[in-house]
Each structure stands twice: as structure tokens, then as C-alpha cells.
Amino acid sequence: MMDAYEKSAERLMDASVEDRVWVLAQLAPEDRIRIVAMLRDMVETPGEPQPDMVNSGAETGRQQPSPANEVFPALASADSEAIENLLEGEPDWMVAMLVRDARWPWVEGFLSGLDSARLQRIECWVRIGHETIKPAVVELLFKLTNEKLARPDGASVVPTAFEDILARLRTKTQDGALIKSQVSE
């Protein structure tokens, strides 16, 4: 049986771009996020640009990240409580990028537990993020969040840029020290 969100998404697919944008603007943030995700799922074709269902309806020419359950299993199978614990204290922009397409099963439960002020800030970041944050950054965020969920201690195995630079400097220093010691002998 089709729920109200699916019916709404199907009806909006047949609406003009202007009508779709107007209707989506009238919805509560939680409803808008969920329906936009369904609209994207309905029009998603691998290798083709995605329409921007929230802002203009025009082709954006960029691919939205596709967080398939197979690619991010820990993120896809997490419950809203685990996500709440993981994201506690994280910046609103980061949370917005994780929930913006509402493809994860925990999104609705997680969002329903937030206070209205934070929910509004996240909604603003969702709008801003579609225009300013590259899909590759969102995909990396999915990857790192999935990794943290999969590791019991929450530690990341991906080195930070700083750690990467230090490792290269140490290698150069060790190589240089080794060469100097061999020359002096």
C-alpha cells in the first residue's frame, strides 16, 4: 500500500517545476526532505545528471551521491539512537549533509528527536549545501561516518591531512638522516 509521502511524490512528478517548488516550500522540513528524496529516487538514472527538486527543478549537471546499502552498510543499518550518539556535538552543516536526501532508515527518527531550533538550522544547511558542498565531500562524509559506526571505538583509520604530511616529513627526515650517516662513515 502506498503511503502519503509516495502519493505526494508521484503527484509532484507530474507537476510543473514552478508548482513543485511552491508545494515543497510549503511543507514542513521533515516532510520536504523525505519527499525530495523520493523524487530523486524516482528520476535517478545512473550516469545522468539529477534534477534539483528543491530549488529550481532544472538540471544541475552534477551527480548526487548514491549511498547504497552495500556501500555503507553500517550507516544503512544504524538506528536513530546510535546516530544521535555519534552526531552529538557535531556541526549542523555536517548533520545536514548526512540527512539531506533522507535515504537512511534512521533519518526520520533522528530528526524527530531534535529540537526545533536545531532542525531549522539543519534545514538551512540542507538548502545551502546543495549549492555549495560538492557531492564528493558528502560521499566522504558518508564513508567516514560509516567507518566510525563500524568501529567499536569510533576511531578513524583514514589519516588526517596533517597526519599524512607528518608521515611524509618523517620519511624524508629519516631518509636524509640515513644518507648523512652513511656518508659520514
C-alpha atoms as a PDB file:
ATOM      1  CA  MET A   1       0.000   0.000   0.000  1.00  0.00           C
ATOM      2  CA  MET A   2       1.300   3.424  -0.933  1.00  0.00           C
ATOM      3  CA  ASP A   3       1.802   5.917   1.909  1.00  0.00           C
ATOM      4  CA  ALA A   4       1.077   9.654   1.771  1.00  0.00           C
ATOM      5  CA  TYR A   5       4.703  10.523   1.001  1.00  0.00           C
ATOM      6  CA  GLU A   6       4.804   8.237  -2.015  1.00  0.00           C
ATOM      7  CA  LYS A   7       1.488   9.606  -3.303  1.00  0.00           C
ATOM      8  CA  SER A   8       2.731  13.159  -2.858  1.00  0.00           C
ATOM      9  CA  ALA A   9       5.990  12.395  -4.656  1.00  0.00           C
ATOM     10  CA  GLU A  10       4.139  10.769  -7.560  1.00  0.00           C
ATOM     11  CA  ARG A  11       1.804  13.744  -7.903  1.00  0.00           C
ATOM     12  CA  LEU A  12       4.694  16.177  -7.762  1.00  0.00           C
ATOM     13  CA  MET A  13       6.483  14.294 -10.535  1.00  0.00           C
ATOM     14  CA  ASP A  14       3.627  15.300 -12.851  1.00  0.00           C
ATOM     15  CA  ALA A  15       3.551  18.937 -11.672  1.00  0.00           C
ATOM     16  CA  SER A  16       5.318  21.816 -13.380  1.00  0.00           C
ATOM     17  CA  VAL A  17       8.657  22.923 -11.974  1.00  0.00           C
ATOM     18  CA  GLU A  18       7.151  26.095 -10.522  1.00  0.00           C
ATOM     19  CA  ASP A  19       4.308  24.205  -8.853  1.00  0.00           C
ATOM     20  CA  ARG A  20       6.676  21.586  -7.482  1.00  0.00           C
ATOM     21  CA  VAL A  21       8.956  24.234  -5.969  1.00  0.00           C
ATOM     22  CA  TRP A  22       5.985  26.066  -4.443  1.00  0.00           C
ATOM     23  CA  VAL A  23       4.470  22.904  -2.935  1.00  0.00           C
ATOM     24  CA  LEU A  24       7.802  21.772  -1.484  1.00  0.00           C
ATOM     25  CA  ALA A  25       8.345  25.211   0.056  1.00  0.00           C
ATOM     26  CA  GLN A  26       5.026  24.871   1.903  1.00  0.00           C
ATOM     27  CA  LEU A  27       5.936  21.572   3.564  1.00  0.00           C
ATOM     28  CA  ALA A  28       7.428  21.031   6.987  1.00  0.00           C
ATOM     29  CA  PRO A  29      11.204  20.385   6.819  1.00  0.00           C
ATOM     30  CA  GLU A  30      10.880  16.688   7.667  1.00  0.00           C
ATOM     31  CA  ASP A  31       8.215  16.136   5.020  1.00  0.00           C
ATOM     32  CA  ARG A  32      10.112  18.127   2.392  1.00  0.00           C
ATOM     33  CA  ILE A  33      13.332  16.172   2.980  1.00  0.00           C
ATOM     34  CA  ARG A  34      11.543  12.853   2.696  1.00  0.00           C
ATOM     35  CA  ILE A  35       9.557  13.756  -0.427  1.00  0.00           C
ATOM     36  CA  VAL A  36      12.597  15.264  -2.168  1.00  0.00           C
ATOM     37  CA  ALA A  37      14.480  12.015  -1.544  1.00  0.00           C
ATOM     38  CA  MET A  38      11.618  10.039  -3.079  1.00  0.00           C
ATOM     39  CA  LEU A  39      11.519  12.369  -6.072  1.00  0.00           C
ATOM     40  CA  ARG A  40      15.248  11.874  -6.593  1.00  0.00           C
ATOM     41  CA  ASP A  41      14.831   8.115  -6.357  1.00  0.00           C
ATOM     42  CA  MET A  42      12.073   8.254  -8.983  1.00  0.00           C
ATOM     43  CA  VAL A  43      14.184  10.160 -11.509  1.00  0.00           C
ATOM     44  CA  GLU A  44      17.585   8.690 -10.660  1.00  0.00           C
ATOM     45  CA  THR A  45      19.305   7.140 -13.647  1.00  0.00           C
ATOM     46  CA  PRO A  46      22.983   6.152 -13.231  1.00  0.00           C
ATOM     47  CA  GLY A  47      25.344   8.287 -15.284  1.00  0.00           C
ATOM     48  CA  GLU A  48      22.845  11.087 -15.946  1.00  0.00           C
ATOM     49  CA  PRO A  49      22.555  14.477 -14.218  1.00  0.00           C
ATOM     50  CA  GLN A  50      19.971  14.794 -11.442  1.00  0.00           C
ATOM     51  CA  PRO A  51      17.235  17.396 -11.400  1.00  0.00           C
ATOM     52  CA  ASP A  52      17.347  19.696  -8.384  1.00  0.00           C
ATOM     53  CA  MET A  53      13.881  19.055  -6.978  1.00  0.00           C
ATOM     54  CA  VAL A  54      14.112  21.592  -4.173  1.00  0.00           C
ATOM     55  CA  ASN A  55      15.435  24.737  -5.796  1.00  0.00           C
ATOM     56  CA  SER A  56      14.714  25.132  -9.481  1.00  0.00           C
ATOM     57  CA  GLY A  57      13.868  21.783 -10.969  1.00  0.00           C
ATOM     58  CA  ALA A  58      16.459  22.434 -13.658  1.00  0.00           C
ATOM     59  CA  GLU A  59      19.245  20.038 -14.482  1.00  0.00           C
ATOM     60  CA  THR A  60      22.224  20.702 -12.229  1.00  0.00           C
ATOM     61  CA  GLY A  61      24.704  18.685 -14.222  1.00  0.00           C
ATOM     62  CA  ARG A  62      26.168  17.023 -11.146  1.00  0.00           C
ATOM     63  CA  GLN A  63      25.647  13.632  -9.652  1.00  0.00           C
ATOM     64  CA  GLN A  64      24.172  13.280  -6.194  1.00  0.00           C
ATOM     65  CA  PRO A  65      25.932  10.734  -4.039  1.00  0.00           C
ATOM     66  CA  SER A  66      24.158   7.406  -4.031  1.00  0.00           C
ATOM     67  CA  PRO A  67      24.546   5.899  -0.564  1.00  0.00           C
ATOM     68  CA  ALA A  68      23.633   2.310  -1.384  1.00  0.00           C
ATOM     69  CA  ASN A  69      23.211  -0.112   1.475  1.00  0.00           C
ATOM     70  CA  GLU A  70      26.009  -2.245   0.051  1.00  0.00           C
ATOM     71  CA  VAL A  71      28.472   0.654   0.036  1.00  0.00           C
ATOM     72  CA  PHE A  72      27.758   1.970   3.552  1.00  0.00           C
ATOM     73  CA  PRO A  73      26.265  -0.969   5.464  1.00  0.00           C
ATOM     74  CA  ALA A  74      26.883   0.385   8.977  1.00  0.00           C
ATOM     75  CA  LEU A  75      25.277   3.703   8.096  1.00  0.00           C
ATOM     76  CA  ALA A  76      22.351   1.990   6.384  1.00  0.00           C
ATOM     77  CA  SER A  77      21.693  -0.367   9.294  1.00  0.00           C
ATOM     78  CA  ALA A  78      22.222   2.081  12.161  1.00  0.00           C
ATOM     79  CA  ASP A  79      19.350   3.068  14.392  1.00  0.00           C
ATOM     80  CA  SER A  80      18.468   6.646  15.256  1.00  0.00           C
ATOM     81  CA  GLU A  81      19.867   6.307  18.792  1.00  0.00           C
ATOM     82  CA  ALA A  82      23.301   5.257  17.526  1.00  0.00           C
ATOM     83  CA  ILE A  83      23.288   8.131  15.060  1.00  0.00           C
ATOM     84  CA  GLU A  84      22.186  10.554  17.763  1.00  0.00           C
ATOM     85  CA  ASN A  85      25.107   9.463  19.956  1.00  0.00           C
ATOM     86  CA  LEU A  86      27.551   9.664  17.069  1.00  0.00           C
ATOM     87  CA  LEU A  87      26.420  13.095  15.884  1.00  0.00           C
ATOM     88  CA  GLU A  88      26.053  14.684  19.300  1.00  0.00           C
ATOM     89  CA  GLY A  89      28.084  17.878  19.250  1.00  0.00           C
ATOM     90  CA  GLU A  90      28.791  17.694  15.513  1.00  0.00           C
ATOM     91  CA  PRO A  91      28.209  20.859  13.478  1.00  0.00           C
ATOM     92  CA  ASP A  92      24.815  21.401  11.874  1.00  0.00           C
ATOM     93  CA  TRP A  93      26.281  21.512   8.352  1.00  0.00           C
ATOM     94  CA  MET A  94      27.690  18.011   8.785  1.00  0.00           C
ATOM     95  CA  VAL A  95      24.407  16.631  10.093  1.00  0.00           C
ATOM     96  CA  ALA A  96      22.586  18.311   7.204  1.00  0.00           C
ATOM     97  CA  MET A  97      24.775  16.614   4.623  1.00  0.00           C
ATOM     98  CA  LEU A  98      24.139  13.225   6.203  1.00  0.00           C
ATOM     99  CA  VAL A  99      20.359  13.610   6.276  1.00  0.00           C
ATOM    100  CA  ARG A 100      19.724  15.820   3.242  1.00  0.00           C
ATOM    101  CA  ASP A 101      18.490  13.068   0.924  1.00  0.00           C
ATOM    102  CA  ALA A 102      16.691  11.141   3.695  1.00  0.00           C
ATOM    103  CA  ARG A 103      17.799   7.807   2.242  1.00  0.00           C
ATOM    104  CA  TRP A 104      18.848   6.272   5.512  1.00  0.00           C
ATOM    105  CA  PRO A 105      16.229   4.410   7.537  1.00  0.00           C
ATOM    106  CA  TRP A 106      17.176   6.298  10.722  1.00  0.00           C
ATOM    107  CA  VAL A 107      16.715   9.844   9.354  1.00  0.00           C
ATOM    108  CA  GLU A 108      13.087  10.348  10.362  1.00  0.00           C
ATOM    109  CA  GLY A 109      13.615   9.027  13.897  1.00  0.00           C
ATOM    110  CA  PHE A 110      16.779  11.061  14.304  1.00  0.00           C
ATOM    111  CA  LEU A 111      15.208  14.297  13.048  1.00  0.00           C
ATOM    112  CA  SER A 112      12.124  13.822  15.212  1.00  0.00           C
ATOM    113  CA  GLY A 113      14.362  13.827  18.294  1.00  0.00           C
ATOM    114  CA  LEU A 114      15.909  17.219  17.537  1.00  0.00           C
ATOM    115  CA  ASP A 115      14.697  20.493  18.985  1.00  0.00           C
ATOM    116  CA  SER A 116      13.008  22.846  16.521  1.00  0.00           C
ATOM    117  CA  ALA A 117      15.846  25.399  16.536  1.00  0.00           C
ATOM    118  CA  ARG A 118      18.446  22.829  15.509  1.00  0.00           C
ATOM    119  CA  LEU A 119      16.069  21.341  12.962  1.00  0.00           C
ATOM    120  CA  GLN A 120      15.684  24.775  11.358  1.00  0.00           C
ATOM    121  CA  ARG A 121      19.451  25.283  11.256  1.00  0.00           C
ATOM    122  CA  ILE A 122      19.880  21.871   9.643  1.00  0.00           C
ATOM    123  CA  GLU A 123      17.178  22.719   7.096  1.00  0.00           C
ATOM    124  CA  CYS A 124      19.064  25.904   6.176  1.00  0.00           C
ATOM    125  CA  TRP A 125      22.264  23.925   5.734  1.00  0.00           C
ATOM    126  CA  VAL A 126      20.471  21.400   3.541  1.00  0.00           C
ATOM    127  CA  ARG A 127      19.445  24.218   1.190  1.00  0.00           C
ATOM    128  CA  ILE A 128      22.864  25.876   1.276  1.00  0.00           C
ATOM    129  CA  GLY A 129      24.691  22.568   0.986  1.00  0.00           C
ATOM    130  CA  HIS A 130      23.042  21.520  -2.259  1.00  0.00           C
ATOM    131  CA  GLU A 131      24.561  24.589  -3.881  1.00  0.00           C
ATOM    132  CA  THR A 132      27.905  24.842  -2.103  1.00  0.00           C
ATOM    133  CA  ILE A 133      29.052  21.446  -0.851  1.00  0.00           C
ATOM    134  CA  LYS A 134      30.342  19.132  -3.543  1.00  0.00           C
ATOM    135  CA  PRO A 135      28.893  15.615  -3.794  1.00  0.00           C
ATOM    136  CA  ALA A 136      32.393  14.180  -3.280  1.00  0.00           C
ATOM    137  CA  VAL A 137      32.546  15.850   0.147  1.00  0.00           C
ATOM    138  CA  VAL A 138      29.170  14.371   1.059  1.00  0.00           C
ATOM    139  CA  GLU A 139      30.313  10.952  -0.151  1.00  0.00           C
ATOM    140  CA  LEU A 140      33.452  11.244   2.004  1.00  0.00           C
ATOM    141  CA  LEU A 141      31.290  12.209   4.960  1.00  0.00           C
ATOM    142  CA  PHE A 142      29.168   9.085   4.373  1.00  0.00           C
ATOM    143  CA  LYS A 143      32.334   6.991   4.217  1.00  0.00           C
ATOM    144  CA  LEU A 144      33.835   8.399   7.417  1.00  0.00           C
ATOM    145  CA  THR A 145      30.542   8.162   9.316  1.00  0.00           C
ATOM    146  CA  ASN A 146      30.056   4.584   8.140  1.00  0.00           C
ATOM    147  CA  GLU A 147      33.596   3.792   9.257  1.00  0.00           C
ATOM    148  CA  LYS A 148      33.027   5.310  12.710  1.00  0.00           C
ATOM    149  CA  LEU A 149      29.834   3.324  13.132  1.00  0.00           C
ATOM    150  CA  ALA A 150      31.563   0.114  12.075  1.00  0.00           C
ATOM    151  CA  ARG A 151      34.463   0.555  14.515  1.00  0.00           C
ATOM    152  CA  PRO A 152      33.568  -0.020  18.164  1.00  0.00           C
ATOM    153  CA  ASP A 153      35.952   2.636  19.434  1.00  0.00           C
ATOM    154  CA  GLY A 154      34.802   5.166  16.820  1.00  0.00           C
ATOM    155  CA  ALA A 155      38.388   5.805  15.733  1.00  0.00           C
ATOM    156  CA  SER A 156      39.095   6.610  12.133  1.00  0.00           C
ATOM    157  CA  VAL A 157      41.643   4.669  10.117  1.00  0.00           C
ATOM    158  CA  VAL A 158      41.792   7.421   7.491  1.00  0.00           C
ATOM    159  CA  PRO A 159      44.691   9.700   8.395  1.00  0.00           C
ATOM    160  CA  THR A 160      44.017  13.399   8.551  1.00  0.00           C
ATOM    161  CA  ALA A 161      45.815  15.662   6.093  1.00  0.00           C
ATOM    162  CA  PHE A 162      48.048  16.794   8.939  1.00  0.00           C
ATOM    163  CA  GLU A 163      48.978  13.197   9.831  1.00  0.00           C
ATOM    164  CA  ASP A 164      49.666  12.494   6.164  1.00  0.00           C
ATOM    165  CA  ILE A 165      52.040  15.482   5.909  1.00  0.00           C
ATOM    166  CA  LEU A 166      53.815  14.471   9.135  1.00  0.00           C
ATOM    167  CA  ALA A 167      54.325  10.938   7.851  1.00  0.00           C
ATOM    168  CA  ARG A 168      55.855  12.242   4.613  1.00  0.00           C
ATOM    169  CA  LEU A 169      58.110  14.667   6.506  1.00  0.00           C
ATOM    170  CA  ARG A 170      59.254  11.920   8.860  1.00  0.00           C
ATOM    171  CA  THR A 171      60.048   9.650   5.921  1.00  0.00           C
ATOM    172  CA  LYS A 172      62.083  12.408   4.251  1.00  0.00           C
ATOM    173  CA  THR A 173      63.873  13.206   7.521  1.00  0.00           C
ATOM    174  CA  GLN A 174      64.666   9.549   8.182  1.00  0.00           C
ATOM    175  CA  ASP A 175      65.898   9.076   4.614  1.00  0.00           C
ATOM    176  CA  GLY A 176      68.019  12.229   4.909  1.00  0.00           C
ATOM    177  CA  ALA A 177      69.442  11.178   8.285  1.00  0.00           C
ATOM    178  CA  LEU A 178      70.206   7.713   6.915  1.00  0.00           C
ATOM    179  CA  ILE A 179      72.033   9.173   3.894  1.00  0.00           C
ATOM    180  CA  LYS A 180      74.041  11.589   6.100  1.00  0.00           C
ATOM    181  CA  SER A 181      75.074   8.782   8.450  1.00  0.00           C
ATOM    182  CA  GLN A 182      76.155   6.592   5.530  1.00  0.00           C
ATOM    183  CA  VAL A 183      78.199   9.449   4.016  1.00  0.00           C
ATOM    184  CA  SER A 184      79.969  10.239   7.295  1.00  0.00           C
ATOM    185  CA  GLU A 185      81.035   6.604   7.795  1.00  0.00           C
END
